[in-house]
Amino acid sequence: MSVLARIHFLGAAGVVTGSKFLVETLEKNILVDCGMFQGLKPLRELNWSPLPFDVSTIDVVLLTHGHLDHVGYLPRLIKQGFTGKIIGTAPTLAIAEIILKDSAKIQEEEAEKANKENYSKHHPALPYYTVKEAEKTIKNFQVKEPDKWISLSEHCTYRFQYNGHIIGATFIELDLFGKRLVFSGDVGRPIDNLLDNPKKPEWADYLFMESTYGDKLHPREDLGTIMAKLIKDTIQNKGNLIIPSFAVERLQSLMYLLWKLYQTNKIPNIPIFVDSPMGNNVLEVFQRFPKWHKLSQAAYNNMCQHVNILESYQETWETINDPRSKIIIAGSGMVTGGRVLTYLQQFIDEPSTTILLVGYQADGTRGRQLQDGTHEIRLFGKYYPVKAKIESIQSLSAHADQKELLDWMANIKNVPENIFLVHGEPSALDAFRVKIEDTFKWPVTVPKLADVQKLIL
């Protein structure tokens, strides 16, 4: 007898961010990921809307990994009445705890600053969620091991499988009434300085497939040579190299790369400042979970000792006032908030400054504006001219490109009943749809935000 399930595409459908997929069945209602939208204002405004579903009937949340666009809606979910467990691997929940607390603190500070300086349209400006609400959310966390099938009910089981990308990240296999649903999460790259290669699914009746770089191949860049030239140019110009960076994985990759360049005499001993309170906490996660990454204890120690890790906002200003040429790595990676905004406010109008973008820049973010060549940028309610040199490196991306995504799918032994493409902008989704149909001859659907798809199990 066939059983009906419904999939509600509550986020990351037709867009990259806001990952939320609700699986509604007769036995359990399962939410896979619970992320915030980032980017364009109409998307960000969706974060303030309640979910179009009775949240109190959701039994469990399964997390693929700890990035904000996969976990940042959790406090709002709790506020709307969710009382179940939020389940992920140990590093995923450690990262999620750091990200939720840090983003709550930033939101409280930014709301306070907006109210004090009167530059918000909202009176009063409110934080999206508070530190207290983040802490309440974390009480629902429950750690589960990867590679083990775990039962939710008689006909519902799930398994986490290692997926690279960031520490703790997995794809999720969900077996429902004899059919397998696979949620790719974000797929990591096959060659990574810090992480092992992603595992690959071998069976998928329904595959929910990320498409962030579904229309692109990462360039084959000599990363060391590019970085060495940028650093030498920075010193020659008596300027600063500012690298907006995600606190999870990208920051650690940059630290490792800069340490190796110095160790092999490819760059001089230029001061490197890491200004990311969240990034400092993530480094501790690497130390706590050595089996989840490739760094030896000695390499970890040397990498950390090679940089100046800033602790306070006072040290931010001491770094700004330091007259030496220097490298500054600060969050956030898409220039949407965090300490990097203070550095840009001080240095973006100086031609001797170089800003290096090292990851995906979502539509509507300051990072995308800079990448696209904007002549001015809004920071803390004011516009600043962009006279700094803007550079971009794609090969540091933690996301698999089109070829790597296809390779990740290639081990699937059966013909899936449907591939749902998610986590992509419209051009990437369409290009990837065509490529999958041409390569595998599999049926592909590109759902829209708020779509509900019926599955026969």
Protein backbone atom coordinates (compact mmCIF):
# COMPACT_ATOMS: atom_id res chain seq x y z
CA MET A 1 0.00 0.00 0.00
CA SER A 2 1.41 3.39 -0.99
CA VAL A 3 1.92 6.11 1.61
CA LEU A 4 1.83 9.81 0.90
CA ALA A 5 4.47 12.23 2.16
CA ARG A 6 4.61 15.97 1.59
CA ILE A 7 7.77 18.02 1.21
CA HIS A 8 7.43 21.70 2.08
CA PHE A 9 10.17 23.85 0.51
CA LEU A 10 10.34 26.55 3.17
CA GLY A 11 13.76 27.88 2.18
CA ALA A 12 16.71 27.46 -0.20
CA ALA A 13 14.26 26.96 -3.10
CA GLY A 14 15.04 29.26 -6.01
CA VAL A 15 17.64 30.91 -3.74
CA VAL A 16 20.85 29.79 -2.03
CA THR A 17 20.08 30.57 1.62
CA GLY A 18 17.40 29.90 4.24
CA SER A 19 17.65 26.11 4.13
CA LYS A 20 14.43 24.52 5.48
CA PHE A 21 12.80 21.34 4.15
CA LEU A 22 9.82 19.97 6.02
CA VAL A 23 9.02 16.28 5.49
CA GLU A 24 5.41 15.59 6.52
CA THR A 25 4.47 11.92 6.99
CA LEU A 26 1.79 9.89 8.80
CA GLU A 27 4.26 8.99 11.57
CA LYS A 28 6.61 11.96 11.96
CA ASN A 29 7.09 15.53 10.77
CA ILE A 30 10.80 16.11 10.19
CA LEU A 31 12.45 19.46 9.46
CA VAL A 32 15.79 19.16 7.66
CA ASP A 33 17.82 22.30 8.45
CA CYS A 34 16.41 25.53 9.83
CA GLY A 35 18.38 28.39 8.35
CA MET A 36 18.16 32.15 7.88
CA PHE A 37 17.75 33.86 4.53
CA GLN A 38 20.62 36.15 3.57
CA GLY A 39 21.07 38.60 0.70
CA LEU A 40 18.38 40.75 -0.89
CA LYS A 41 16.02 42.68 1.42
CA PRO A 42 12.82 40.83 0.35
CA LEU A 43 14.53 37.58 1.33
CA ARG A 44 15.82 38.92 4.65
CA GLU A 45 12.32 40.14 5.47
CA LEU A 46 11.07 36.53 5.18
CA ASN A 47 13.14 35.74 8.28
CA TRP A 48 10.63 37.70 10.36
CA SER A 49 7.62 35.71 9.11
CA PRO A 50 6.33 32.63 10.97
CA LEU A 51 6.47 29.35 9.10
CA PRO A 52 3.27 28.45 7.17
CA PHE A 53 2.92 25.26 9.22
CA ASP A 54 1.93 24.44 12.78
CA VAL A 55 5.43 24.39 14.28
CA SER A 56 4.24 22.55 17.41
CA THR A 57 3.56 19.46 15.24
CA ILE A 58 7.17 19.21 14.01
CA ASP A 59 8.73 16.27 15.85
CA VAL A 60 12.43 16.77 15.18
CA VAL A 61 14.97 18.97 13.38
CA LEU A 62 17.91 17.28 11.63
CA LEU A 63 20.88 19.54 10.79
CA THR A 64 23.27 18.91 7.90
CA HIS A 65 25.81 21.40 9.31
CA GLY A 66 26.21 24.51 11.45
CA HIS A 67 26.29 27.47 9.03
CA LEU A 68 23.89 30.36 9.75
CA ASP A 69 21.86 29.76 6.58
CA HIS A 70 21.18 26.23 7.89
CA VAL A 71 20.65 26.92 11.63
CA GLY A 72 19.90 30.64 12.05
CA TYR A 73 16.08 30.30 12.17
CA LEU A 74 16.15 27.86 15.10
CA PRO A 75 15.45 30.44 17.86
CA ARG A 76 12.44 31.69 15.88
CA LEU A 77 11.23 28.09 15.54
CA ILE A 78 11.40 27.66 19.32
CA LYS A 79 9.59 30.99 19.77
CA GLN A 80 6.76 29.71 17.51
CA GLY A 81 6.21 26.61 19.63
CA PHE A 82 8.69 23.89 18.57
CA THR A 83 9.61 21.69 21.55
CA GLY A 84 11.41 18.72 19.95
CA LYS A 85 15.06 17.75 19.65
CA ILE A 86 17.51 19.49 17.31
CA ILE A 87 19.86 16.73 16.16
CA GLY A 88 23.29 16.87 14.49
CA THR A 89 26.82 15.58 14.79
CA ALA A 90 28.89 16.78 17.75
CA PRO A 91 30.96 19.32 15.75
CA THR A 92 27.83 20.57 13.94
CA LEU A 93 26.08 21.35 17.21
CA ALA A 94 29.26 22.90 18.64
CA ILE A 95 29.48 25.18 15.58
CA ALA A 96 25.73 25.93 15.70
CA GLU A 97 26.02 26.95 19.36
CA ILE A 98 28.87 29.34 18.56
CA ILE A 99 27.09 30.81 15.53
CA LEU A 100 23.74 31.30 17.29
CA LYS A 101 25.28 32.96 20.35
CA ASP A 102 27.57 35.15 18.25
CA SER A 103 24.89 36.24 15.79
CA ALA A 104 22.50 37.00 18.68
CA LYS A 105 25.15 39.15 20.33
CA ILE A 106 25.85 41.00 17.07
CA GLN A 107 22.12 41.54 16.49
CA GLU A 108 21.68 42.95 20.00
CA GLU A 109 24.67 45.28 19.52
CA GLU A 110 23.54 46.43 16.06
CA ALA A 111 20.00 47.11 17.29
CA GLU A 112 21.39 49.12 20.20
CA LYS A 113 23.70 51.07 17.86
CA ALA A 114 20.88 51.71 15.36
CA ASN A 115 18.65 53.03 18.13
CA LYS A 116 21.42 55.20 19.58
CA GLU A 117 22.43 56.69 16.21
CA ASN A 118 18.88 56.68 14.80
CA TYR A 119 19.67 55.15 11.40
CA SER A 120 17.08 52.35 11.41
CA LYS A 121 13.64 52.71 9.82
CA HIS A 122 12.25 50.68 12.73
CA HIS A 123 11.51 52.38 16.04
CA PRO A 124 12.81 50.77 18.05
CA ALA A 125 15.15 48.51 16.06
CA LEU A 126 14.92 44.99 17.52
CA PRO A 127 17.40 42.09 17.38
CA TYR A 128 16.24 39.16 15.26
CA TYR A 129 16.73 37.04 18.37
CA THR A 130 18.48 37.61 21.68
CA VAL A 131 21.35 35.80 23.41
CA LYS A 132 18.81 34.46 25.92
CA GLU A 133 16.70 33.01 23.07
CA ALA A 134 19.81 31.44 21.50
CA GLU A 135 20.71 29.83 24.83
CA LYS A 136 17.16 28.46 25.20
CA THR A 137 17.46 26.93 21.70
CA ILE A 138 20.74 25.19 22.51
CA LYS A 139 19.06 23.28 25.35
CA ASN A 140 17.19 21.27 22.68
CA PHE A 141 20.44 20.08 21.00
CA GLN A 142 21.09 16.34 20.87
CA VAL A 143 24.29 14.78 19.47
CA LYS A 144 24.16 11.69 17.24
CA GLU A 145 27.04 9.81 15.65
CA PRO A 146 27.53 9.59 11.88
CA ASP A 147 27.26 6.33 9.89
CA LYS A 148 24.58 4.82 12.16
CA TRP A 149 20.92 4.33 11.28
CA ILE A 150 18.76 5.91 13.98
CA SER A 151 15.04 5.20 14.37
CA LEU A 152 12.49 7.97 14.77
CA SER A 153 9.45 5.70 14.47
CA GLU A 154 8.47 2.32 13.00
CA HIS A 155 8.92 3.42 9.37
CA CYS A 156 11.22 6.45 9.74
CA THR A 157 15.00 6.16 10.19
CA TYR A 158 17.90 8.48 9.33
CA ARG A 159 21.68 8.47 9.02
CA PHE A 160 24.34 11.22 8.91
CA GLN A 161 27.19 10.74 6.40
CA TYR A 162 30.44 12.75 6.29
CA ASN A 163 30.32 15.46 3.63
CA GLY A 164 33.42 17.68 3.92
CA HIS A 165 32.49 21.37 3.46
CA ILE A 166 32.98 22.40 7.13
CA ILE A 167 33.84 20.49 10.26
CA GLY A 168 30.94 18.25 11.29
CA ALA A 169 29.02 18.63 8.00
CA THR A 170 27.00 15.69 6.66
CA PHE A 171 24.46 14.72 4.11
CA ILE A 172 21.32 13.11 5.53
CA GLU A 173 19.75 9.85 4.39
CA LEU A 174 16.14 9.55 5.49
CA ASP A 175 14.44 6.17 5.01
CA LEU A 176 10.64 6.53 5.02
CA PHE A 177 8.33 3.55 4.47
CA GLY A 178 10.98 1.79 2.34
CA LYS A 179 12.00 4.79 0.21
CA ARG A 180 15.21 6.78 0.67
CA LEU A 181 15.31 10.57 0.66
CA VAL A 182 18.80 12.08 0.48
CA PHE A 183 19.42 15.69 1.51
CA SER A 184 22.83 16.74 0.21
CA GLY A 185 23.30 19.72 2.54
CA ASP A 186 26.35 21.56 1.25
CA VAL A 187 28.79 19.25 -0.53
CA GLY A 188 32.47 19.77 0.20
CA ARG A 189 35.34 19.60 -2.24
CA PRO A 190 37.37 16.46 -2.99
CA ILE A 191 40.74 18.11 -2.25
CA ASP A 192 40.89 20.13 0.96
CA ASN A 193 43.81 21.06 3.22
CA LEU A 194 41.76 20.54 6.36
CA LEU A 195 39.04 18.00 5.61
CA ASP A 196 38.73 14.51 4.16
CA ASN A 197 36.88 13.86 0.89
CA PRO A 198 33.09 13.78 1.16
CA LYS A 199 31.38 10.40 1.22
CA LYS A 200 28.88 9.75 -1.58
CA PRO A 201 25.33 8.41 -1.51
CA GLU A 202 24.77 5.01 -3.15
CA TRP A 203 20.99 5.00 -3.30
CA ALA A 204 18.44 7.80 -3.56
CA ASP A 205 14.78 7.49 -4.47
CA TYR A 206 14.46 11.24 -3.99
CA LEU A 207 17.52 13.50 -3.94
CA PHE A 208 17.47 17.08 -2.66
CA MET A 209 20.59 18.42 -4.31
CA GLU A 210 22.49 21.63 -3.62
CA SER A 211 23.29 23.75 -6.68
CA THR A 212 25.27 26.74 -5.40
CA TYR A 213 27.90 26.29 -8.10
CA GLY A 214 25.69 24.26 -10.43
CA ASP A 215 26.69 26.44 -13.39
CA LYS A 216 30.38 26.95 -12.61
CA LEU A 217 33.73 25.22 -12.48
CA HIS A 218 36.19 26.52 -9.91
CA PRO A 219 39.26 27.96 -11.65
CA ARG A 220 42.49 26.02 -11.44
CA GLU A 221 44.37 28.77 -9.63
CA ASP A 222 47.84 28.60 -8.16
CA LEU A 223 46.56 29.85 -4.85
CA GLY A 224 49.97 30.21 -3.25
CA THR A 225 51.34 32.32 -6.10
CA ILE A 226 48.25 34.57 -6.15
CA MET A 227 48.32 35.11 -2.39
CA ALA A 228 52.09 35.73 -2.36
CA LYS A 229 51.76 38.43 -5.06
CA LEU A 230 48.86 40.15 -3.25
CA ILE A 231 50.86 40.20 -0.02
CA LYS A 232 54.02 41.53 -1.66
CA ASP A 233 51.98 44.23 -3.47
CA THR A 234 50.36 45.17 -0.14
CA ILE A 235 53.78 45.65 1.47
CA GLN A 236 55.10 47.61 -1.53
CA ASN A 237 52.02 49.91 -1.48
CA LYS A 238 52.34 50.36 2.30
CA GLY A 239 48.72 49.28 2.54
CA ASN A 240 46.50 46.66 4.14
CA LEU A 241 45.10 43.41 2.81
CA ILE A 242 41.62 42.88 4.24
CA ILE A 243 40.04 39.44 3.85
CA PRO A 244 36.37 39.16 4.85
CA SER A 245 36.04 35.57 5.94
CA PHE A 246 33.51 33.10 7.22
CA ALA A 247 34.51 32.06 10.73
CA VAL A 248 33.96 28.37 10.03
CA GLU A 249 36.45 26.58 7.77
CA ARG A 250 37.42 29.53 5.52
CA LEU A 251 39.24 31.27 8.37
CA GLN A 252 41.09 28.10 9.33
CA SER A 253 41.96 27.41 5.67
CA LEU A 254 43.38 30.92 5.28
CA MET A 255 45.42 30.56 8.48
CA TYR A 256 46.82 27.25 7.24
CA LEU A 257 47.62 28.64 3.78
CA LEU A 258 49.41 31.73 5.14
CA TRP A 259 51.39 29.65 7.61
CA LYS A 260 52.50 27.24 4.85
CA LEU A 261 53.49 30.16 2.55
CA TYR A 262 55.64 31.64 5.30
CA GLN A 263 57.10 28.26 6.25
CA THR A 264 58.21 27.70 2.62
CA ASN A 265 59.68 31.24 2.33
CA LYS A 266 57.09 32.37 -0.25
CA ILE A 267 55.97 35.37 1.79
CA PRO A 268 57.76 37.58 4.33
CA ASN A 269 56.76 37.70 7.98
CA ILE A 270 53.96 40.25 7.53
CA PRO A 271 51.74 40.75 10.61
CA ILE A 272 48.49 38.78 10.35
CA PHE A 273 45.53 39.76 12.53
CA VAL A 274 42.55 37.46 12.95
CA ASP A 275 39.63 39.50 14.26
CA SER A 276 36.71 37.13 14.61
CA PRO A 277 35.52 36.20 18.11
CA MET A 278 33.45 33.44 16.56
CA GLY A 279 36.45 32.22 14.55
CA ASN A 280 38.48 31.90 17.75
CA ASN A 281 35.79 29.67 19.22
CA VAL A 282 35.71 27.57 16.03
CA LEU A 283 39.46 26.96 16.38
CA GLU A 284 38.68 25.38 19.74
CA VAL A 285 36.17 23.07 17.99
CA PHE A 286 39.00 21.86 15.72
CA GLN A 287 41.01 21.07 18.84
CA ARG A 288 38.08 19.20 20.46
CA PHE A 289 37.28 17.01 17.44
CA PRO A 290 40.58 15.91 15.83
CA LYS A 291 38.97 12.92 14.07
CA TRP A 292 36.86 15.31 11.98
CA HIS A 293 39.82 17.01 10.24
CA LYS A 294 43.31 16.32 8.88
CA LEU A 295 45.42 18.77 10.95
CA SER A 296 47.98 17.27 13.30
CA GLN A 297 48.27 18.83 16.77
CA ALA A 298 51.67 20.28 15.81
CA ALA A 299 50.34 21.84 12.59
CA TYR A 300 47.35 23.24 14.50
CA ASN A 301 49.61 24.83 17.14
CA ASN A 302 52.03 26.30 14.56
CA MET A 303 49.18 27.70 12.47
CA CYS A 304 47.63 29.42 15.50
CA GLN A 305 50.95 30.80 16.75
CA HIS A 306 51.69 32.37 13.34
CA VAL A 307 48.79 34.84 13.63
CA ASN A 308 47.67 37.48 16.14
CA ILE A 309 44.25 36.45 17.41
CA LEU A 310 42.35 39.50 18.65
CA GLU A 311 40.11 39.19 21.68
CA SER A 312 38.49 42.60 22.15
CA TYR A 313 37.05 45.54 20.25
CA GLN A 314 39.83 47.68 21.76
CA GLU A 315 42.33 45.45 19.93
CA THR A 316 40.37 46.07 16.71
CA TRP A 317 41.15 49.78 17.03
CA GLU A 318 44.77 49.11 18.01
CA THR A 319 45.07 47.10 14.78
CA ILE A 320 43.47 49.90 12.74
CA ASN A 321 45.94 52.39 14.24
CA ASP A 322 48.94 50.10 13.65
CA PRO A 323 50.87 51.89 10.83
CA ARG A 324 52.46 48.69 9.46
CA SER A 325 51.31 46.91 6.32
CA LYS A 326 49.29 43.95 7.51
CA ILE A 327 46.80 41.22 6.68
CA ILE A 328 43.45 41.49 8.46
CA ILE A 329 41.08 38.52 8.41
CA ALA A 330 37.68 39.35 9.88
CA GLY A 331 34.07 38.21 9.69
CA SER A 332 31.74 38.12 7.96
CA GLY A 333 32.51 36.39 4.67
CA MET A 334 29.77 38.15 2.65
CA VAL A 335 30.44 41.49 4.43
CA THR A 336 26.92 41.39 5.92
CA GLY A 337 28.05 42.22 9.48
CA GLY A 338 30.75 41.58 12.03
CA ARG A 339 34.14 43.19 12.70
CA VAL A 340 35.13 43.49 9.02
CA LEU A 341 32.69 46.42 8.66
CA THR A 342 34.77 48.52 11.06
CA TYR A 343 37.94 47.88 9.04
CA LEU A 344 36.19 48.70 5.77
CA GLN A 345 34.81 51.90 7.27
CA GLN A 346 38.41 52.98 7.98
CA PHE A 347 40.26 51.66 4.91
CA ILE A 348 37.90 51.18 1.95
CA ASP A 349 38.48 54.72 0.65
CA GLU A 350 42.28 54.24 0.45
CA PRO A 351 43.79 53.11 -2.90
CA SER A 352 46.57 51.27 -1.00
CA THR A 353 43.95 48.89 0.49
CA THR A 354 43.19 45.53 -1.14
CA ILE A 355 40.00 43.66 -0.26
CA LEU A 356 40.17 39.95 -1.07
CA LEU A 357 36.84 38.08 -1.37
CA VAL A 358 37.39 34.37 -0.86
CA GLY A 359 33.98 32.71 -1.08
CA TYR A 360 30.49 32.73 -2.49
CA GLN A 361 28.86 36.18 -2.36
CA ALA A 362 25.05 35.96 -2.31
CA ASP A 363 22.99 38.37 -4.36
CA GLY A 364 22.14 41.47 -2.31
CA THR A 365 25.13 41.27 0.06
CA ARG A 366 27.87 43.90 0.34
CA GLY A 367 30.32 41.23 -0.78
CA ARG A 368 28.43 40.80 -4.06
CA GLN A 369 28.29 44.61 -4.50
CA LEU A 370 32.06 44.81 -4.10
CA GLN A 371 32.58 41.85 -6.43
CA ASP A 372 30.38 43.53 -9.04
CA GLY A 373 32.40 46.77 -8.90
CA THR A 374 30.21 49.14 -6.88
CA HIS A 375 31.64 52.67 -6.52
CA GLU A 376 30.28 53.15 -2.98
CA ILE A 377 29.13 51.03 -0.08
CA ARG A 378 26.80 51.64 2.85
CA LEU A 379 28.24 50.97 6.30
CA PHE A 380 26.48 51.84 9.56
CA GLY A 381 23.96 54.04 7.77
CA LYS A 382 26.51 56.08 5.75
CA TYR A 383 27.98 55.73 2.24
CA TYR A 384 31.74 55.37 1.69
CA PRO A 385 33.54 55.59 -1.67
CA VAL A 386 35.23 52.36 -2.78
CA LYS A 387 38.78 53.28 -3.76
CA ALA A 388 40.32 50.02 -2.52
CA LYS A 389 41.35 47.35 -5.01
CA ILE A 390 38.87 44.44 -5.01
CA GLU A 391 40.19 40.94 -5.71
CA SER A 392 38.35 37.62 -5.70
CA ILE A 393 39.52 34.01 -5.37
CA GLN A 394 37.06 31.18 -6.03
CA SER A 395 39.37 28.22 -5.49
CA LEU A 396 39.15 28.64 -1.70
CA SER A 397 35.43 27.88 -1.85
CA ALA A 398 34.20 25.13 0.47
CA HIS A 399 31.42 24.29 -2.03
CA ALA A 400 31.82 21.66 -4.75
CA ASP A 401 31.57 23.01 -8.30
CA GLN A 402 29.42 21.56 -11.08
CA LYS A 403 31.84 18.76 -12.00
CA GLU A 404 32.40 17.85 -8.35
CA LEU A 405 28.65 17.82 -7.67
CA LEU A 406 28.07 15.50 -10.62
CA ASP A 407 30.87 13.24 -9.39
CA TRP A 408 29.27 13.19 -5.91
CA MET A 409 26.00 11.98 -7.48
CA ALA A 410 27.62 9.43 -9.79
CA ASN A 411 27.77 6.59 -7.21
CA ILE A 412 23.96 6.38 -6.98
CA LYS A 413 23.12 2.89 -8.25
CA ASN A 414 19.41 3.31 -8.94
CA VAL A 415 17.49 5.76 -11.11
CA PRO A 416 15.99 8.30 -8.68
CA GLU A 417 12.28 9.02 -8.97
CA ASN A 418 13.09 12.73 -8.78
CA ILE A 419 15.97 15.12 -8.19
CA PHE A 420 14.95 18.36 -6.50
CA LEU A 421 17.48 21.12 -7.10
CA VAL A 422 17.85 23.51 -4.16
CA HIS A 423 20.41 25.99 -2.76
CA GLY A 424 20.98 27.89 -5.99
CA GLU A 425 20.27 31.10 -7.84
CA PRO A 426 17.97 30.71 -10.88
CA SER A 427 20.78 30.64 -13.50
CA ALA A 428 22.72 27.99 -11.56
CA LEU A 429 19.61 25.87 -10.98
CA ASP A 430 18.64 25.89 -14.64
CA ALA A 431 22.14 25.13 -15.91
CA PHE A 432 22.53 22.29 -13.41
CA ARG A 433 19.10 20.87 -14.33
CA VAL A 434 20.14 20.65 -17.99
CA LYS A 435 23.51 19.12 -17.08
CA ILE A 436 21.96 16.40 -14.87
CA GLU A 437 19.36 15.53 -17.51
CA ASP A 438 22.08 15.30 -20.19
CA THR A 439 24.53 13.36 -17.99
CA PHE A 440 22.30 10.88 -16.15
CA LYS A 441 18.91 11.09 -17.94
CA TRP A 442 17.31 11.48 -14.51
CA PRO A 443 14.09 13.47 -13.89
CA VAL A 444 14.80 16.89 -12.34
CA THR A 445 12.49 19.37 -10.64
CA VAL A 446 13.37 22.94 -9.62
CA PRO A 447 10.95 23.82 -6.79
CA LYS A 448 9.99 27.37 -5.89
CA LEU A 449 9.85 28.87 -2.43
CA ALA A 450 6.77 27.65 -0.49
CA ASP A 451 6.11 24.81 -2.98
CA VAL A 452 4.68 21.59 -1.53
CA GLN A 453 5.52 18.38 -3.40
CA LYS A 454 3.67 15.10 -2.83
CA LEU A 455 5.77 11.95 -2.77
CA ILE A 456 4.44 8.39 -3.06
CA LEU A 457 6.45 6.16 -0.73
